[in-house]
Amino acid sequence: MEHITIKDIAKALNLSFSTVSRALRGHPDVNQETKKKILALAEQLNYEKNPLALSLRKQKTNAIGVIIPEIANPFFSRIISGIQHVAYEAGYNVMICLSDESIEREISNLRHLLRYRVDGLLAAVSVETSTFPHFELALAKQVPMVFIDRVWDHPQVSKVLVDDFEGAFTITQHLIEMGYGQIAHIAGPEKLLVTQKRLEGFRAAILAHDLPLPPDYIQFGGFTEDFGAEALQKLLSLPSPPDAVFCVNDRTATGALLHCKTQQVQVPRQLGIAGFTDMPVSKLIEPGLTTMAQPAFEMGEVATQMMLRYLAAERYEPEVLILKTQLIIRESTRRSII
């Protein structure tokens, strides 16, 4: 269907462009009878205002930019679903950019979104991100920002995350209650805040029970299945290998479980394995993976609701929202207590 413009309506009624434009905007200086004719024809022709033109006049684009590491990861895809659910209901478009865990691409993504003049930015940083000058630029431009899960720990930006410390403490406590006494940790990239918080929770539970924690029992690296398998191989090769492993996320835990299958290591009898996230694969893999469930969809929802409040109020007051995790016990840690 042909798009109807103000010019079309003006031509049909033999009126000036400016008269029709003022009438459609409800301007008081247009004769009531003329305004009635203009509005009637506009409705008859299904005239719709040009949202881009309106946004440019108002210095708004009604678009929220999103930067995430990857969309194939079910955790981030659920966050995106939560973002879109809230944004579209409020009449906002969502521009999604993927960093592919690259700081270079993350910087490029941010530049693109700033050029488009998005009204606000939601982001989860890449594994390579350890400094934040690109986000400092956005902050200087007074672009409202909300970070999700993988956050920039800056007092002038908002954050939505889970209680990583408490979650890690809880799942490590569970391993101890199951009778495991030599527990290792497969950690994420060392400089990421989420890695640090989960490590702190793990350490706190170990120390609370006076259990040994050799330096080699902590393996820093990444969030992938390959790293999980590689790190577990190193742990099992130690002179005194662990009898349980808490993994920073479900992907590394899945890699560790698959490595156990190839090496004939019996889980959970010989080795307990626990993760963090509760991805769909966690209940499908054999044995089912014990994990801490993160409310990914809700994280996306509340981050977007937070952003919409800022945009409606036209003021940005940074805040931090910490959501709870939930322990999901499956077969990968259910062994008889000796």
Foldseek 3Di string as FASTA:
>chain_A
DDADDLVNLCVVVVHDSVLLVCLVVVNPVHDPVVSVSSVVVCVVVVHDDDLCVVCVVVVANLEEEEEEADCVFVLVVLLVLLQCVQSVVVVGHYHYAHQVLPPVSVLVSLVVCVVVSHQAYEYAHHLPDQDDVSVVVVVVVVHAYEYEQFDDPDQQHAYEHAQLLQFLLVVLLVLVVLAWQFEAEEFEAPRTPSRVSSVNSVVVNNVVVVGDDDPLSYHYYHDALVSLLVSQVSQVPDPDHGQEYEYAAVRSLNSNVVNCVVVVNDAPPRYAYAHEAPDVCQVVDVFRHWYWHDPSSVSSNVSNVLVVVCSVVVHGDYDYHYHYIHTDDTRRRNDHHD
